[in-house]
Protein backbone atom coordinates (compact mmCIF):
# COMPACT_ATOMS: atom_id res chain seq x y z
CA UNK A 1 13.02 -17.63 3.08
CA UNK A 2 10.08 -19.98 2.95
CA UNK A 3 7.73 -19.32 0.01
CA UNK A 4 4.40 -20.75 -0.92
CA UNK A 5 2.80 -20.32 -4.29
CA UNK A 6 0.91 -17.26 -3.08
CA UNK A 7 3.16 -15.60 -0.52
CA UNK A 8 6.56 -15.43 1.09
CA UNK A 9 5.94 -15.91 4.80
CA UNK A 10 9.28 -14.76 6.16
CA UNK A 11 9.37 -10.96 5.93
CA UNK A 12 12.28 -8.70 5.22
CA UNK A 13 12.55 -5.98 7.86
CA UNK A 14 13.38 -2.53 6.50
CA UNK A 15 13.32 1.02 7.91
CA UNK A 16 12.32 3.78 5.54
CA UNK A 17 10.46 7.04 5.28
CA UNK A 18 7.59 7.06 2.80
CA UNK A 19 6.16 10.30 1.43
CA UNK A 20 3.01 9.91 -0.68
CA UNK A 21 0.46 11.77 -2.73
CA UNK A 22 -2.87 10.07 -3.41
CA UNK A 23 -6.61 9.79 -3.26
CA UNK A 24 -8.92 7.88 -0.93
CA UNK A 25 -11.83 5.65 -1.72
CA UNK A 26 -14.43 4.09 0.58
CA UNK A 27 -14.83 0.36 0.02
CA UNK A 28 -17.56 -2.02 1.13
CA UNK A 29 -15.97 -5.45 0.88
CA UNK A 30 -19.43 -6.93 0.20
CA UNK A 31 -19.47 -5.04 -3.11
CA UNK A 32 -17.24 -5.22 -6.20
CA UNK A 33 -14.37 -3.46 -4.47
CA UNK A 34 -11.97 -4.23 -7.28
CA UNK A 35 -13.89 -1.90 -9.55
CA UNK A 36 -13.87 0.80 -6.83
CA UNK A 37 -10.10 0.50 -6.45
CA UNK A 38 -9.59 0.60 -10.21
CA UNK A 39 -11.64 3.80 -10.31
CA UNK A 40 -9.54 5.29 -7.55
CA UNK A 41 -6.31 4.53 -9.39
CA UNK A 42 -7.82 6.14 -12.50
CA UNK A 43 -8.57 9.30 -10.48
CA UNK A 44 -4.98 9.39 -9.25
CA UNK A 45 -3.74 8.95 -12.85
CA UNK A 46 -5.62 12.13 -13.81
CA UNK A 47 -3.53 14.13 -11.32
CA UNK A 48 -0.10 12.52 -11.95
CA UNK A 49 1.00 15.18 -14.51
CA UNK A 50 0.49 17.92 -11.86
CA UNK A 51 2.31 16.08 -9.03
CA UNK A 52 5.91 17.19 -8.48
CA UNK A 53 8.71 15.14 -6.95
CA UNK A 54 7.48 11.63 -7.97
CA UNK A 55 10.15 9.19 -6.88
CA UNK A 56 11.88 6.94 -9.43
CA UNK A 57 11.13 4.26 -10.16
CA UNK A 58 7.45 5.31 -10.07
CA UNK A 59 5.98 3.28 -7.19
CA UNK A 60 2.35 2.78 -6.07
CA UNK A 61 1.68 2.37 -2.38
CA UNK A 62 -1.78 1.63 -1.15
CA UNK A 63 -3.05 1.57 2.42
CA UNK A 64 -6.14 -0.28 3.56
CA UNK A 65 -7.54 1.29 6.76
CA UNK A 66 -9.98 -0.81 8.76
CA UNK A 67 -13.30 0.89 9.57
CA UNK A 68 -15.27 -2.20 10.60
CA UNK A 69 -15.65 -5.82 9.52
CA UNK A 70 -16.74 -4.93 5.96
CA UNK A 71 -15.81 -1.27 5.41
CA UNK A 72 -12.39 0.09 4.48
CA UNK A 73 -10.90 3.41 3.55
CA UNK A 74 -8.21 2.86 0.90
CA UNK A 75 -5.48 5.41 0.28
CA UNK A 76 -4.09 4.95 -3.26
CA UNK A 77 -0.86 6.81 -3.66
CA UNK A 78 2.35 7.40 -5.56
CA UNK A 79 5.66 7.62 -3.70
CA UNK A 80 7.28 11.08 -3.67
CA UNK A 81 10.77 12.25 -2.74
CA UNK A 82 9.37 15.23 -0.80
CA UNK A 83 6.13 17.06 -0.18
CA UNK A 84 7.92 20.38 -0.83
CA UNK A 85 5.84 22.23 -3.43
CA UNK A 86 3.02 19.65 -3.30
CA UNK A 87 -0.37 21.20 -4.08
CA UNK A 88 -3.23 19.32 -2.44
CA UNK A 89 -6.58 19.45 -4.17
CA UNK A 90 -9.31 19.27 -1.55
CA UNK A 91 -12.17 19.32 -4.11
CA UNK A 92 -10.63 16.44 -6.03
CA UNK A 93 -9.54 14.53 -2.95
CA UNK A 94 -5.80 14.65 -3.69
CA UNK A 95 -3.79 14.62 -0.44
CA UNK A 96 -0.17 14.37 0.66
CA UNK A 97 0.91 11.98 3.41
CA UNK A 98 4.26 11.86 5.19
CA UNK A 99 4.41 8.53 7.05
CA UNK A 100 7.57 9.42 8.96
CA UNK A 101 10.40 7.00 9.74
CA UNK A 102 8.82 3.59 10.02
CA UNK A 103 10.05 0.03 10.34
CA UNK A 104 8.30 -2.37 7.92
CA UNK A 105 7.88 -6.14 7.64
CA UNK A 106 7.81 -6.69 3.86
CA UNK A 107 6.27 -9.87 2.53
CA UNK A 108 6.18 -10.93 -1.14
CA UNK A 109 2.65 -11.66 -2.27
CA UNK A 110 1.84 -13.18 -5.66
CA UNK A 111 -0.21 -10.95 -7.93
CA UNK A 112 -3.74 -12.28 -8.07
CA UNK A 113 -3.45 -13.71 -4.56
CA UNK A 114 -4.23 -10.45 -2.74
CA UNK A 115 -5.44 -11.16 0.79
CA UNK A 116 -3.44 -14.40 1.10
CA UNK A 117 -0.65 -12.86 3.20
CA UNK A 118 -2.56 -10.89 5.83
CA UNK A 119 -3.96 -13.84 7.85
CA UNK A 120 -0.52 -15.29 8.67
CA UNK A 121 1.56 -12.13 8.65
CA UNK A 122 0.83 -10.99 12.19
CA UNK A 123 1.92 -14.33 13.58
CA UNK A 124 5.05 -14.24 11.49
CA UNK A 125 6.16 -10.85 12.74
CA UNK A 126 5.66 -12.02 16.33
CA UNK A 127 7.88 -15.07 15.68
CA UNK A 128 10.78 -12.72 14.85
CA UNK A 129 10.24 -10.34 17.79
CA UNK A 130 8.06 -7.64 16.18
CA UNK A 131 4.59 -6.35 16.80
CA UNK A 132 2.24 -4.18 14.76
CA UNK A 133 2.97 -0.44 14.91
CA UNK A 134 -0.42 0.86 16.11
CA UNK A 135 0.15 4.37 14.78
CA UNK A 136 -1.53 2.83 11.73
CA UNK A 137 -4.65 0.64 11.60
CA UNK A 138 -4.35 -1.25 8.37
CA UNK A 139 -2.02 -2.80 5.84
CA UNK A 140 0.06 -1.49 2.93
CA UNK A 141 0.93 -2.77 -0.54
CA UNK A 142 3.69 -1.60 -2.86
CA UNK A 143 4.19 -2.24 -6.59
CA UNK A 144 5.36 -0.52 -9.78
CA UNK A 145 2.93 2.37 -10.45
CA UNK A 146 2.25 1.08 -13.97
CA UNK A 147 0.67 -2.11 -12.52
CA UNK A 148 -1.85 -0.02 -10.58
CA UNK A 149 -2.54 2.66 -13.24
CA UNK A 150 -2.26 0.73 -16.51
CA UNK A 151 -2.79 -2.84 -15.17
CA UNK A 152 -3.19 -5.67 -15.06
CA UNK A 153 -0.09 -6.67 -13.12
CA UNK A 154 1.83 -9.72 -14.42
CA UNK A 155 0.23 -12.86 -13.00
CA UNK A 156 3.67 -14.48 -12.48
CA UNK A 157 5.12 -11.60 -10.48
CA UNK A 158 4.97 -10.49 -6.85
CA UNK A 159 4.14 -7.22 -5.11
CA UNK A 160 5.07 -6.17 -1.55
CA UNK A 161 2.56 -6.64 1.28
CA UNK A 162 3.84 -4.47 4.14
CA UNK A 163 3.05 -4.12 7.83
CA UNK A 164 4.40 -1.25 9.92
CA UNK A 165 6.13 -2.90 12.91
CA UNK A 166 7.98 -2.17 16.10
CA UNK A 167 10.46 -4.30 17.98
CA UNK A 168 8.94 -6.01 21.03
């Protein structure tokens, strides 16, 4: 697969069923959104001891939902094996999310180069006969949970940038 310094442009196509527990944050991209995301991960960390069925290895999955050109809703979550027994906390903002069976285009994106993969990824999936799965309206990232909670992630490593896709 072709790889640049910042990203791997040829995706791996996988089919999997993600089940998540997490919190949401509202982000204005014109602000210091890194601090907002860090605060969201810290909120999730407070609830981790009370969340059952965390998958091993402990994996962070975040979802950036487009609201408009500068606003996003970010779901910051941990991967679970099941939502059975999950206790949502409405007052805290802790929610469960079962994404269902989904096909994914998984790109490798260098830590510290977030945002470098998205611009070319939609064209890359089209080249291999896939389109964006419009049940979603955003992009996902996956990494070891410790990178998100304890940070910072290793500068010389890669995380997954993921698009939900469907065969054209």
